[in-house]
Amino acid sequence: MKVRVKRIYDEASPDDGYRILVDRLWPRGISKEKAHLDEWMRGIAPSDALRTAFHHGGEDFSAFKKAYLQELADSTEKQELLKAIAEHAKNDNVTLLFGAKDEANNQAVLLKELLEKKYL
């Protein structure tokens, strides 16, 4: 099966499979009904400090990537959540949803890369 990334503001599709929001905060302007979520994994999102430094502090993406990958490696909870996503991906498509405007530089893209490299 396949892991995809998609903005939560984009229309849901049957091809999305299991839809997981990977943001710590709920995206503005999206109702829970319109989101069509199967799961909201707040625990896999970057820490508040890292998220704030990246989105509001002007930290570049390479520094964010390094820090976030370290958070993922250091957290037992985040490792368990990665394994759970990989389990879903063995049986169905999985779509990692995010609210950021930048579709190339966000945590969902990093999670997809890590999952494909290490778990799938």
PDB file of N, CA and C in Angstrom:
ATOM      1  N   MET A   1       0.835  -1.172   0.000  1.00  0.00           N
ATOM      2  CA  MET A   1       0.000   0.000   0.000  1.00  0.00           C
ATOM      3  C   MET A   1       0.885   1.242   0.000  1.00  0.00           C
ATOM      4  N   LYS A   2       0.266   2.374   0.118  1.00  0.00           N
ATOM      5  CA  LYS A   2       0.967   3.616  -0.129  1.00  0.00           C
ATOM      6  C   LYS A   2       0.732   4.632   0.980  1.00  0.00           C
ATOM      7  N   VAL A   3       1.749   5.441   1.263  1.00  0.00           N
ATOM      8  CA  VAL A   3       1.609   6.569   2.179  1.00  0.00           C
ATOM      9  C   VAL A   3       1.651   7.829   1.339  1.00  0.00           C
ATOM     10  N   ARG A   4       0.674   8.693   1.557  1.00  0.00           N
ATOM     11  CA  ARG A   4       0.583   9.955   0.829  1.00  0.00           C
ATOM     12  C   ARG A   4       0.534  11.100   1.823  1.00  0.00           C
ATOM     13  N   VAL A   5       0.770  12.304   1.324  1.00  0.00           N
ATOM     14  CA  VAL A   5       0.577  13.504   2.131  1.00  0.00           C
ATOM     15  C   VAL A   5      -0.394  14.414   1.388  1.00  0.00           C
ATOM     16  N   LYS A   6      -1.181  15.162   2.181  1.00  0.00           N
ATOM     17  CA  LYS A   6      -2.212  15.996   1.576  1.00  0.00           C
ATOM     18  C   LYS A   6      -2.612  17.085   2.559  1.00  0.00           C
ATOM     19  N   ARG A   7      -2.875  18.261   2.036  1.00  0.00           N
ATOM     20  CA  ARG A   7      -3.393  19.326   2.896  1.00  0.00           C
ATOM     21  C   ARG A   7      -4.804  18.959   3.333  1.00  0.00           C
ATOM     22  N   ILE A   8      -5.114  19.228   4.564  1.00  0.00           N
ATOM     23  CA  ILE A   8      -6.445  18.900   5.082  1.00  0.00           C
ATOM     24  C   ILE A   8      -7.522  19.742   4.397  1.00  0.00           C
ATOM     25  N   TYR A   9      -7.127  20.845   3.800  1.00  0.00           N
ATOM     26  CA  TYR A   9      -8.060  21.725   3.105  1.00  0.00           C
ATOM     27  C   TYR A   9      -8.433  21.191   1.728  1.00  0.00           C
ATOM     28  N   ASP A  10      -7.695  20.205   1.222  1.00  0.00           N
ATOM     29  CA  ASP A  10      -8.028  19.586  -0.060  1.00  0.00           C
ATOM     30  C   ASP A  10      -9.180  18.603   0.138  1.00  0.00           C
ATOM     31  N   GLU A  11      -9.913  18.396  -0.914  1.00  0.00           N
ATOM     32  CA  GLU A  11     -11.078  17.510  -0.871  1.00  0.00           C
ATOM     33  C   GLU A  11     -10.662  16.073  -0.537  1.00  0.00           C
ATOM     34  N   ALA A  12     -11.432  15.423   0.321  1.00  0.00           N
ATOM     35  CA  ALA A  12     -11.187  14.013   0.641  1.00  0.00           C
ATOM     36  C   ALA A  12     -11.514  13.158  -0.579  1.00  0.00           C
ATOM     37  N   SER A  13     -10.794  12.050  -0.710  1.00  0.00           N
ATOM     38  CA  SER A  13     -10.982  11.148  -1.840  1.00  0.00           C
ATOM     39  C   SER A  13     -11.025   9.709  -1.328  1.00  0.00           C
ATOM     40  N   PRO A  14     -11.788   8.840  -1.989  1.00  0.00           N
ATOM     41  CA  PRO A  14     -11.793   7.439  -1.578  1.00  0.00           C
ATOM     42  C   PRO A  14     -10.395   6.803  -1.662  1.00  0.00           C
ATOM     43  N   ASP A  15      -9.538   7.314  -2.559  1.00  0.00           N
ATOM     44  CA  ASP A  15      -8.172   6.799  -2.692  1.00  0.00           C
ATOM     45  C   ASP A  15      -7.287   7.155  -1.501  1.00  0.00           C
ATOM     46  N   ASP A  16      -7.747   8.083  -0.653  1.00  0.00           N
ATOM     47  CA  ASP A  16      -6.947   8.486   0.505  1.00  0.00           C
ATOM     48  C   ASP A  16      -6.734   7.338   1.473  1.00  0.00           C
ATOM     49  N   GLY A  17      -7.666   6.427   1.535  1.00  0.00           N
ATOM     50  CA  GLY A  17      -7.560   5.331   2.497  1.00  0.00           C
ATOM     51  C   GLY A  17      -7.734   5.856   3.915  1.00  0.00           C
ATOM     52  N   TYR A  18      -6.856   5.439   4.800  1.00  0.00           N
ATOM     53  CA  TYR A  18      -6.912   5.816   6.215  1.00  0.00           C
ATOM     54  C   TYR A  18      -6.326   7.214   6.360  1.00  0.00           C
ATOM     55  N   ARG A  19      -7.137   8.171   6.819  1.00  0.00           N
ATOM     56  CA  ARG A  19      -6.738   9.577   6.887  1.00  0.00           C
ATOM     57  C   ARG A  19      -6.339   9.952   8.317  1.00  0.00           C
ATOM     58  N   ILE A  20      -5.084  10.433   8.452  1.00  0.00           N
ATOM     59  CA  ILE A  20      -4.531  10.771   9.767  1.00  0.00           C
ATOM     60  C   ILE A  20      -4.062  12.218   9.760  1.00  0.00           C
ATOM     61  N   LEU A  21      -4.596  13.021  10.663  1.00  0.00           N
ATOM     62  CA  LEU A  21      -4.104  14.385  10.857  1.00  0.00           C
ATOM     63  C   LEU A  21      -2.870  14.308  11.743  1.00  0.00           C
ATOM     64  N   VAL A  22      -1.740  14.898  11.273  1.00  0.00           N
ATOM     65  CA  VAL A  22      -0.475  14.817  12.008  1.00  0.00           C
ATOM     66  C   VAL A  22      -0.044  16.189  12.534  1.00  0.00           C
ATOM     67  N   ASP A  23      -0.989  17.083  12.753  1.00  0.00           N
ATOM     68  CA  ASP A  23      -0.738  18.399  13.338  1.00  0.00           C
ATOM     69  C   ASP A  23      -1.077  18.370  14.822  1.00  0.00           C
ATOM     70  N   ARG A  24      -0.370  19.174  15.589  1.00  0.00           N
ATOM     71  CA  ARG A  24      -0.653  19.296  17.025  1.00  0.00           C
ATOM     72  C   ARG A  24      -1.923  20.116  17.259  1.00  0.00           C
ATOM     73  N   LEU A  25      -2.126  21.147  16.431  1.00  0.00           N
ATOM     74  CA  LEU A  25      -3.287  22.028  16.565  1.00  0.00           C
ATOM     75  C   LEU A  25      -4.300  21.721  15.478  1.00  0.00           C
ATOM     76  N   TRP A  26      -5.577  21.895  15.810  1.00  0.00           N
ATOM     77  CA  TRP A  26      -6.616  21.683  14.817  1.00  0.00           C
ATOM     78  C   TRP A  26      -6.545  22.799  13.769  1.00  0.00           C
ATOM     79  N   PRO A  27      -6.606  22.465  12.477  1.00  0.00           N
ATOM     80  CA  PRO A  27      -6.514  23.476  11.419  1.00  0.00           C
ATOM     81  C   PRO A  27      -7.710  24.432  11.424  1.00  0.00           C
ATOM     82  N   ARG A  28      -7.419  25.691  11.226  1.00  0.00           N
ATOM     83  CA  ARG A  28      -8.475  26.715  11.217  1.00  0.00           C
ATOM     84  C   ARG A  28      -9.427  26.517  10.047  1.00  0.00           C
ATOM     85  N   GLY A  29     -10.698  26.734  10.344  1.00  0.00           N
ATOM     86  CA  GLY A  29     -11.711  26.744   9.293  1.00  0.00           C
ATOM     87  C   GLY A  29     -12.161  25.385   8.803  1.00  0.00           C
ATOM     88  N   ILE A  30     -11.728  24.318   9.434  1.00  0.00           N
ATOM     89  CA  ILE A  30     -12.126  22.962   9.021  1.00  0.00           C
ATOM     90  C   ILE A  30     -12.989  22.348  10.119  1.00  0.00           C
ATOM     91  N   SER A  31     -14.179  21.933   9.732  1.00  0.00           N
ATOM     92  CA  SER A  31     -15.026  21.245  10.704  1.00  0.00           C
ATOM     93  C   SER A  31     -14.589  19.788  10.790  1.00  0.00           C
ATOM     94  N   LYS A  32     -14.927  19.151  11.877  1.00  0.00           N
ATOM     95  CA  LYS A  32     -14.568  17.738  12.033  1.00  0.00           C
ATOM     96  C   LYS A  32     -15.265  16.883  10.967  1.00  0.00           C
ATOM     97  N   GLU A  33     -16.470  17.283  10.575  1.00  0.00           N
ATOM     98  CA  GLU A  33     -17.192  16.543   9.543  1.00  0.00           C
ATOM     99  C   GLU A  33     -16.496  16.671   8.195  1.00  0.00           C
ATOM    100  N   LYS A  34     -16.055  17.877   7.840  1.00  0.00           N
ATOM    101  CA  LYS A  34     -15.415  18.106   6.550  1.00  0.00           C
ATOM    102  C   LYS A  34     -14.027  17.459   6.487  1.00  0.00           C
ATOM    103  N   ALA A  35     -13.395  17.274   7.625  1.00  0.00           N
ATOM    104  CA  ALA A  35     -12.050  16.706   7.662  1.00  0.00           C
ATOM    105  C   ALA A  35     -12.023  15.234   7.257  1.00  0.00           C
ATOM    106  N   HIS A  36     -13.107  14.514   7.492  1.00  0.00           N
ATOM    107  CA  HIS A  36     -13.183  13.083   7.164  1.00  0.00           C
ATOM    108  C   HIS A  36     -11.981  12.317   7.720  1.00  0.00           C
ATOM    109  N   LEU A  37     -11.708  12.540   8.995  1.00  0.00           N
ATOM    110  CA  LEU A  37     -10.561  11.896   9.636  1.00  0.00           C
ATOM    111  C   LEU A  37     -10.889  10.505  10.122  1.00  0.00           C
ATOM    112  N   ASP A  38      -9.897   9.649  10.052  1.00  0.00           N
ATOM    113  CA  ASP A  38      -9.976   8.377  10.744  1.00  0.00           C
ATOM    114  C   ASP A  38      -9.280   8.483  12.096  1.00  0.00           C
ATOM    115  N   GLU A  39      -8.263   9.356  12.158  1.00  0.00           N
ATOM    116  CA  GLU A  39      -7.517   9.498  13.397  1.00  0.00           C
ATOM    117  C   GLU A  39      -6.793  10.847  13.411  1.00  0.00           C
ATOM    118  N   TRP A  40      -6.653  11.398  14.616  1.00  0.00           N
ATOM    119  CA  TRP A  40      -5.865  12.608  14.823  1.00  0.00           C
ATOM    120  C   TRP A  40      -4.714  12.224  15.743  1.00  0.00           C
ATOM    121  N   MET A  41      -3.503  12.162  15.202  1.00  0.00           N
ATOM    122  CA  MET A  41      -2.317  11.776  15.965  1.00  0.00           C
ATOM    123  C   MET A  41      -1.544  13.027  16.392  1.00  0.00           C
ATOM    124  N   ARG A  42      -2.053  13.701  17.398  1.00  0.00           N
ATOM    125  CA  ARG A  42      -1.354  14.882  17.925  1.00  0.00           C
ATOM    126  C   ARG A  42       0.028  14.524  18.437  1.00  0.00           C
ATOM    127  N   GLY A  43       0.151  13.348  19.011  1.00  0.00           N
ATOM    128  CA  GLY A  43       1.393  12.942  19.646  1.00  0.00           C
ATOM    129  C   GLY A  43       2.573  12.784  18.702  1.00  0.00           C
ATOM    130  N   ILE A  44       2.310  12.637  17.414  1.00  0.00           N
ATOM    131  CA  ILE A  44       3.412  12.484  16.459  1.00  0.00           C
ATOM    132  C   ILE A  44       3.860  13.826  15.886  1.00  0.00           C
ATOM    133  N   ALA A  45       3.098  14.853  16.160  1.00  0.00           N
ATOM    134  CA  ALA A  45       3.433  16.188  15.654  1.00  0.00           C
ATOM    135  C   ALA A  45       4.680  16.741  16.349  1.00  0.00           C
ATOM    136  N   PRO A  46       5.336  17.707  15.723  1.00  0.00           N
ATOM    137  CA  PRO A  46       6.478  18.350  16.387  1.00  0.00           C
ATOM    138  C   PRO A  46       6.053  18.981  17.710  1.00  0.00           C
ATOM    139  N   SER A  47       6.983  19.060  18.641  1.00  0.00           N
ATOM    140  CA  SER A  47       6.693  19.704  19.926  1.00  0.00           C
ATOM    141  C   SER A  47       6.267  21.153  19.697  1.00  0.00           C
ATOM    142  N   ASP A  48       5.582  21.717  20.690  1.00  0.00           N
ATOM    143  CA  ASP A  48       5.170  23.122  20.571  1.00  0.00           C
ATOM    144  C   ASP A  48       6.366  24.037  20.349  1.00  0.00           C
ATOM    145  N   ALA A  49       7.459  23.789  21.057  1.00  0.00           N
ATOM    146  CA  ALA A  49       8.645  24.640  20.918  1.00  0.00           C
ATOM    147  C   ALA A  49       9.207  24.563  19.500  1.00  0.00           C
ATOM    148  N   LEU A  50       9.288  23.367  18.951  1.00  0.00           N
ATOM    149  CA  LEU A  50       9.816  23.208  17.599  1.00  0.00           C
ATOM    150  C   LEU A  50       8.869  23.798  16.559  1.00  0.00           C
ATOM    151  N   ARG A  51       7.589  23.539  16.730  1.00  0.00           N
ATOM    152  CA  ARG A  51       6.590  24.081  15.806  1.00  0.00           C
ATOM    153  C   ARG A  51       6.639  25.605  15.791  1.00  0.00           C
ATOM    154  N   THR A  52       6.702  26.209  16.961  1.00  0.00           N
ATOM    155  CA  THR A  52       6.749  27.669  17.065  1.00  0.00           C
ATOM    156  C   THR A  52       8.026  28.221  16.448  1.00  0.00           C
ATOM    157  N   ALA A  53       9.154  27.584  16.715  1.00  0.00           N
ATOM    158  CA  ALA A  53      10.427  28.043  16.153  1.00  0.00           C
ATOM    159  C   ALA A  53      10.403  28.001  14.628  1.00  0.00           C
ATOM    160  N   PHE A  54       9.780  26.975  14.063  1.00  0.00           N
ATOM    161  CA  PHE A  54       9.740  26.834  12.609  1.00  0.00           C
ATOM    162  C   PHE A  54       8.735  27.782  11.971  1.00  0.00           C
ATOM    163  N   HIS A  55       7.523  27.824  12.497  1.00  0.00           N
ATOM    164  CA  HIS A  55       6.468  28.617  11.865  1.00  0.00           C
ATOM    165  C   HIS A  55       6.541  30.098  12.194  1.00  0.00           C
ATOM    166  N   HIS A  56       6.983  30.423  13.380  1.00  0.00           N
ATOM    167  CA  HIS A  56       6.942  31.827  13.799  1.00  0.00           C
ATOM    168  C   HIS A  56       8.323  32.431  13.985  1.00  0.00           C
ATOM    169  N   GLY A  57       9.323  31.591  14.158  1.00  0.00           N
ATOM    170  CA  GLY A  57      10.655  32.108  14.445  1.00  0.00           C
ATOM    171  C   GLY A  57      11.567  32.176  13.245  1.00  0.00           C
ATOM    172  N   GLY A  58      11.099  31.692  12.106  1.00  0.00           N
ATOM    173  CA  GLY A  58      11.898  31.772  10.902  1.00  0.00           C
ATOM    174  C   GLY A  58      12.993  30.715  10.787  1.00  0.00           C
ATOM    175  N   GLU A  59      12.932  29.657  11.608  1.00  0.00           N
ATOM    176  CA  GLU A  59      13.917  28.586  11.498  1.00  0.00           C
ATOM    177  C   GLU A  59      13.811  27.954  10.111  1.00  0.00           C
ATOM    178  N   ASP A  60      14.947  27.674   9.475  1.00  0.00           N
ATOM    179  CA  ASP A  60      14.902  27.086   8.139  1.00  0.00           C
ATOM    180  C   ASP A  60      14.495  25.615   8.210  1.00  0.00           C
ATOM    181  N   PHE A  61      14.068  25.091   7.068  1.00  0.00           N
ATOM    182  CA  PHE A  61      13.518  23.743   7.048  1.00  0.00           C
ATOM    183  C   PHE A  61      14.561  22.684   7.391  1.00  0.00           C
ATOM    184  N   SER A  62      15.804  22.870   6.971  1.00  0.00           N
ATOM    185  CA  SER A  62      16.820  21.854   7.275  1.00  0.00           C
ATOM    186  C   SER A  62      17.055  21.743   8.779  1.00  0.00           C
ATOM    187  N   ALA A  63      17.036  22.866   9.495  1.00  0.00           N
ATOM    188  CA  ALA A  63      17.185  22.829  10.957  1.00  0.00           C
ATOM    189  C   ALA A  63      15.949  22.194  11.594  1.00  0.00           C
ATOM    190  N   PHE A  64      14.769  22.527  11.080  1.00  0.00           N
ATOM    191  CA  PHE A  64      13.530  21.921  11.561  1.00  0.00           C
ATOM    192  C   PHE A  64      13.566  20.409  11.344  1.00  0.00           C
ATOM    193  N   LYS A  65      13.965  19.993  10.148  1.00  0.00           N
ATOM    194  CA  LYS A  65      14.016  18.561   9.816  1.00  0.00           C
ATOM    195  C   LYS A  65      14.929  17.815  10.786  1.00  0.00           C
ATOM    196  N   LYS A  66      16.105  18.343  11.008  1.00  0.00           N
ATOM    197  CA  LYS A  66      17.067  17.688  11.913  1.00  0.00           C
ATOM    198  C   LYS A  66      16.490  17.573  13.323  1.00  0.00           C
ATOM    199  N   ALA A  67      15.911  18.660  13.821  1.00  0.00           N
ATOM    200  CA  ALA A  67      15.356  18.666  15.178  1.00  0.00           C
ATOM    201  C   ALA A  67      14.140  17.734  15.289  1.00  0.00           C
ATOM    202  N   TYR A  68      13.277  17.732  14.277  1.00  0.00           N
ATOM    203  CA  TYR A  68      12.083  16.890  14.321  1.00  0.00           C
ATOM    204  C   TYR A  68      12.448  15.409  14.236  1.00  0.00           C
ATOM    205  N   LEU A  69      13.379  15.063  13.358  1.00  0.00           N
ATOM    206  CA  LEU A  69      13.806  13.670  13.267  1.00  0.00           C
ATOM    207  C   LEU A  69      14.430  13.212  14.584  1.00  0.00           C
ATOM    208  N   GLN A  70      15.109  14.118  15.271  1.00  0.00           N
ATOM    209  CA  GLN A  70      15.673  13.780  16.586  1.00  0.00           C
ATOM    210  C   GLN A  70      14.551  13.569  17.605  1.00  0.00           C
ATOM    211  N   GLU A  71      13.523  14.420  17.564  1.00  0.00           N
ATOM    212  CA  GLU A  71      12.371  14.228  18.458  1.00  0.00           C
ATOM    213  C   GLU A  71      11.722  12.864  18.216  1.00  0.00           C
ATOM    214  N   LEU A  72      11.568  12.512  16.951  1.00  0.00           N
ATOM    215  CA  LEU A  72      10.961  11.218  16.616  1.00  0.00           C
ATOM    216  C   LEU A  72      11.809  10.061  17.136  1.00  0.00           C
ATOM    217  N   ALA A  73      13.116  10.175  16.994  1.00  0.00           N
ATOM    218  CA  ALA A  73      14.015   9.109  17.434  1.00  0.00           C
ATOM    219  C   ALA A  73      14.058   8.984  18.953  1.00  0.00           C
ATOM    220  N   ASP A  74      13.919  10.101  19.651  1.00  0.00           N
ATOM    221  CA  ASP A  74      14.054  10.117  21.111  1.00  0.00           C
ATOM    222  C   ASP A  74      12.771   9.765  21.865  1.00  0.00           C
ATOM    223  N   SER A  75      11.647   9.731  21.179  1.00  0.00           N
ATOM    224  CA  SER A  75      10.360   9.555  21.843  1.00  0.00           C
ATOM    225  C   SER A  75       9.792   8.152  21.609  1.00  0.00           C
ATOM    226  N   THR A  76       9.600   7.423  22.672  1.00  0.00           N
ATOM    227  CA  THR A  76       8.973   6.103  22.582  1.00  0.00           C
ATOM    228  C   THR A  76       7.555   6.231  22.043  1.00  0.00           C
ATOM    229  N   GLU A  77       6.822   7.256  22.506  1.00  0.00           N
ATOM    230  CA  GLU A  77       5.449   7.468  22.027  1.00  0.00           C
ATOM    231  C   GLU A  77       5.427   7.695  20.522  1.00  0.00           C
ATOM    232  N   LYS A  78       6.305   8.541  20.027  1.00  0.00           N
ATOM    233  CA  LYS A  78       6.337   8.827  18.596  1.00  0.00           C
ATOM    234  C   LYS A  78       6.746   7.584  17.797  1.00  0.00           C
ATOM    235  N   GLN A  79       7.646   6.783  18.324  1.00  0.00           N
ATOM    236  CA  GLN A  79       8.040   5.543  17.657  1.00  0.00           C
ATOM    237  C   GLN A  79       6.856   4.581  17.557  1.00  0.00           C
ATOM    238  N   GLU A  80       6.068   4.496  18.617  1.00  0.00           N
ATOM    239  CA  GLU A  80       4.882   3.630  18.598  1.00  0.00           C
ATOM    240  C   GLU A  80       3.855   4.126  17.581  1.00  0.00           C
ATOM    241  N   LEU A  81       3.701   5.434  17.487  1.00  0.00           N
ATOM    242  CA  LEU A  81       2.760   5.997  16.516  1.00  0.00           C
ATOM    243  C   LEU A  81       3.238   5.746  15.087  1.00  0.00           C
ATOM    244  N   LEU A  82       4.532   5.855  14.842  1.00  0.00           N
ATOM    245  CA  LEU A  82       5.079   5.530  13.517  1.00  0.00           C
ATOM    246  C   LEU A  82       4.779   4.078  13.158  1.00  0.00           C
ATOM    247  N   LYS A  83       4.965   3.180  14.111  1.00  0.00           N
ATOM    248  CA  LYS A  83       4.672   1.769  13.874  1.00  0.00           C
ATOM    249  C   LYS A  83       3.189   1.552  13.577  1.00  0.00           C
ATOM    250  N   ALA A  84       2.328   2.291  14.266  1.00  0.00           N
ATOM    251  CA  ALA A  84       0.884   2.180  14.027  1.00  0.00           C
ATOM    252  C   ALA A  84       0.533   2.637  12.612  1.00  0.00           C
ATOM    253  N   ILE A  85       1.145   3.721  12.161  1.00  0.00           N
ATOM    254  CA  ILE A  85       0.904   4.194  10.790  1.00  0.00           C
ATOM    255  C   ILE A  85       1.376   3.136   9.794  1.00  0.00           C
ATOM    256  N   ALA A  86       2.553   2.577  10.036  1.00  0.00           N
ATOM    257  CA  ALA A  86       3.095   1.540   9.145  1.00  0.00           C
ATOM    258  C   ALA A  86       2.171   0.327   9.084  1.00  0.00           C
ATOM    259  N   GLU A  87       1.586  -0.044  10.203  1.00  0.00           N
ATOM    260  CA  GLU A  87       0.641  -1.169  10.220  1.00  0.00           C
ATOM    261  C   GLU A  87      -0.575  -0.878   9.340  1.00  0.00           C
ATOM    262  N   HIS A  88      -1.114   0.336   9.444  1.00  0.00           N
ATOM    263  CA  HIS A  88      -2.245   0.716   8.585  1.00  0.00           C
ATOM    264  C   HIS A  88      -1.832   0.654   7.117  1.00  0.00           C
ATOM    265  N   ALA A  89      -0.611   1.099   6.818  1.00  0.00           N
ATOM    266  CA  ALA A  89      -0.132   1.159   5.437  1.00  0.00           C
ATOM    267  C   ALA A  89       0.089  -0.226   4.833  1.00  0.00           C
ATOM    268  N   LYS A  90       0.218  -1.239   5.662  1.00  0.00           N
ATOM    269  CA  LYS A  90       0.380  -2.604   5.141  1.00  0.00           C
ATOM    270  C   LYS A  90      -0.906  -3.117   4.510  1.00  0.00           C
ATOM    271  N   ASN A  91      -2.054  -2.580   4.957  1.00  0.00           N
ATOM    272  CA  ASN A  91      -3.351  -3.075   4.508  1.00  0.00           C
ATOM    273  C   ASN A  91      -4.151  -2.098   3.668  1.00  0.00           C
ATOM    274  N   ASP A  92      -3.766  -0.834   3.678  1.00  0.00           N
ATOM    275  CA  ASP A  92      -4.573   0.199   3.025  1.00  0.00           C
ATOM    276  C   ASP A  92      -3.681   1.387   2.705  1.00  0.00           C
ATOM    277  N   ASN A  93      -4.142   2.239   1.820  1.00  0.00           N
ATOM    278  CA  ASN A  93      -3.461   3.512   1.627  1.00  0.00           C
ATOM    279  C   ASN A  93      -3.609   4.325   2.905  1.00  0.00           C
ATOM    280  N   VAL A  94      -2.606   5.124   3.201  1.00  0.00           N
ATOM    281  CA  VAL A  94      -2.640   6.028   4.342  1.00  0.00           C
ATOM    282  C   VAL A  94      -2.336   7.427   3.830  1.00  0.00           C
ATOM    283  N   THR A  95      -3.141   8.396   4.254  1.00  0.00           N
ATOM    284  CA  THR A  95      -2.899   9.785   3.887  1.00  0.00           C
ATOM    285  C   THR A  95      -2.627  10.572   5.152  1.00  0.00           C
ATOM    286  N   LEU A  96      -1.435  11.172   5.196  1.00  0.00           N
ATOM    287  CA  LEU A  96      -1.034  12.027   6.312  1.00  0.00           C
ATOM    288  C   LEU A  96      -1.478  13.446   5.992  1.00  0.00           C
ATOM    289  N   LEU A  97      -2.337  13.974   6.824  1.00  0.00           N
ATOM    290  CA  LEU A  97      -2.922  15.293   6.586  1.00  0.00           C
ATOM    291  C   LEU A  97      -2.227  16.353   7.427  1.00  0.00           C
ATOM    292  N   PHE A  98      -2.072  17.530   6.838  1.00  0.00           N
ATOM    293  CA  PHE A  98      -1.433  18.659   7.511  1.00  0.00           C
ATOM    294  C   PHE A  98      -2.149  19.940   7.108  1.00  0.00           C
ATOM    295  N   GLY A  99      -1.976  20.983   7.908  1.00  0.00           N
ATOM    296  CA  GLY A  99      -2.641  22.252   7.633  1.00  0.00           C
ATOM    297  C   GLY A  99      -1.746  23.316   7.035  1.00  0.00           C
ATOM    298  N   ALA A 100      -0.446  23.106   7.017  1.00  0.00           N
ATOM    299  CA  ALA A 100       0.503  24.126   6.550  1.00  0.00           C
ATOM    300  C   ALA A 100       0.266  24.491   5.089  1.00  0.00           C
ATOM    301  N   LYS A 101       0.568  25.735   4.751  1.00  0.00           N
ATOM    302  CA  LYS A 101       0.450  26.192   3.363  1.00  0.00           C
ATOM    303  C   LYS A 101       1.558  25.619   2.486  1.00  0.00           C
ATOM    304  N   ASP A 102       2.735  25.439   3.077  1.00  0.00           N
ATOM    305  CA  ASP A 102       3.886  24.928   2.332  1.00  0.00           C
ATOM    306  C   ASP A 102       3.755  23.412   2.202  1.00  0.00           C
ATOM    307  N   GLU A 103       3.477  22.957   1.001  1.00  0.00           N
ATOM    308  CA  GLU A 103       3.226  21.533   0.782  1.00  0.00           C
ATOM    309  C   GLU A 103       4.500  20.696   0.701  1.00  0.00           C
ATOM    310  N   ALA A 104       5.659  21.338   0.573  1.00  0.00           N
ATOM    311  CA  ALA A 104       6.907  20.598   0.444  1.00  0.00           C
ATOM    312  C   ALA A 104       7.704  20.548   1.741  1.00  0.00           C
ATOM    313  N   ASN A 105       7.508  21.531   2.606  1.00  0.00           N
ATOM    314  CA  ASN A 105       8.310  21.650   3.823  1.00  0.00           C
ATOM    315  C   ASN A 105       7.417  21.617   5.056  1.00  0.00           C
ATOM    316  N   ASN A 106       7.085  20.401   5.493  1.00  0.00           N
ATOM    317  CA  ASN A 106       6.245  20.229   6.678  1.00  0.00           C
ATOM    318  C   ASN A 106       6.486  18.853   7.276  1.00  0.00           C
ATOM    319  N   GLN A 107       5.943  18.625   8.445  1.00  0.00           N
ATOM    320  CA  GLN A 107       6.196  17.371   9.152  1.00  0.00           C
ATOM    321  C   GLN A 107       5.598  16.163   8.450  1.00  0.00           C
ATOM    322  N   ALA A 108       4.501  16.318   7.731  1.00  0.00           N
ATOM    323  CA  ALA A 108       3.893  15.174   7.043  1.00  0.00           C
ATOM    324  C   ALA A 108       4.838  14.620   5.980  1.00  0.00           C
ATOM    325  N   VAL A 109       5.520  15.500   5.263  1.00  0.00           N
ATOM    326  CA  VAL A 109       6.480  15.070   4.248  1.00  0.00           C
ATOM    327  C   VAL A 109       7.632  14.294   4.905  1.00  0.00           C
ATOM    328  N   LEU A 110       8.102  14.802   6.039  1.00  0.00           N
ATOM    329  CA  LEU A 110       9.185  14.118   6.752  1.00  0.00           C
ATOM    330  C   LEU A 110       8.736  12.761   7.286  1.00  0.00           C
ATOM    331  N   LEU A 111       7.508  12.698   7.797  1.00  0.00           N
ATOM    332  CA  LEU A 111       6.982  11.422   8.283  1.00  0.00           C
ATOM    333  C   LEU A 111       6.875  10.404   7.153  1.00  0.00           C
ATOM    334  N   LYS A 112       6.387  10.839   6.010  1.00  0.00           N
ATOM    335  CA  LYS A 112       6.275   9.949   4.849  1.00  0.00           C
ATOM    336  C   LYS A 112       7.646   9.401   4.470  1.00  0.00           C
ATOM    337  N   GLU A 113       8.645  10.286   4.371  1.00  0.00           N
ATOM    338  CA  GLU A 113      10.005   9.852   4.030  1.00  0.00           C
ATOM    339  C   GLU A 113      10.532   8.839   5.042  1.00  0.00           C
ATOM    340  N   LEU A 114      10.335   9.128   6.311  1.00  0.00           N
ATOM    341  CA  LEU A 114      10.825   8.233   7.361  1.00  0.00           C
ATOM    342  C   LEU A 114      10.110   6.885   7.325  1.00  0.00           C
ATOM    343  N   LEU A 115       8.808   6.912   7.153  1.00  0.00           N
ATOM    344  CA  LEU A 115       8.053   5.670   7.082  1.00  0.00           C
ATOM    345  C   LEU A 115       8.518   4.805   5.916  1.00  0.00           C
ATOM    346  N   GLU A 116       8.690   5.412   4.753  1.00  0.00           N
ATOM    347  CA  GLU A 116       9.104   4.649   3.575  1.00  0.00           C
ATOM    348  C   GLU A 116      10.529   4.116   3.718  1.00  0.00           C
ATOM    349  N   LYS A 117      11.370   4.865   4.375  1.00  0.00           N
ATOM    350  CA  LYS A 117      12.767   4.471   4.553  1.00  0.00           C
ATOM    351  C   LYS A 117      12.929   3.379   5.622  1.00  0.00           C
ATOM    352  N   LYS A 118      12.224   3.524   6.728  1.00  0.00           N
ATOM    353  CA  LYS A 118      12.484   2.671   7.887  1.00  0.00           C
ATOM    354  C   LYS A 118      11.432   1.584   8.135  1.00  0.00           C
ATOM    355  N   TYR A 119      10.177   1.839   7.767  1.00  0.00           N
ATOM    356  CA  TYR A 119       9.097   0.924   8.172  1.00  0.00           C
ATOM    357  C   TYR A 119       8.409   0.187   7.030  1.00  0.00           C
ATOM    358  N   LEU A 120       8.508   0.703   5.819  1.00  0.00           N
ATOM    359  CA  LEU A 120       7.748   0.062   4.721  1.00  0.00           C
ATOM    360  C   LEU A 120       8.642  -0.559   3.673  1.00  0.00           C
TER     361      LEU A 120
END
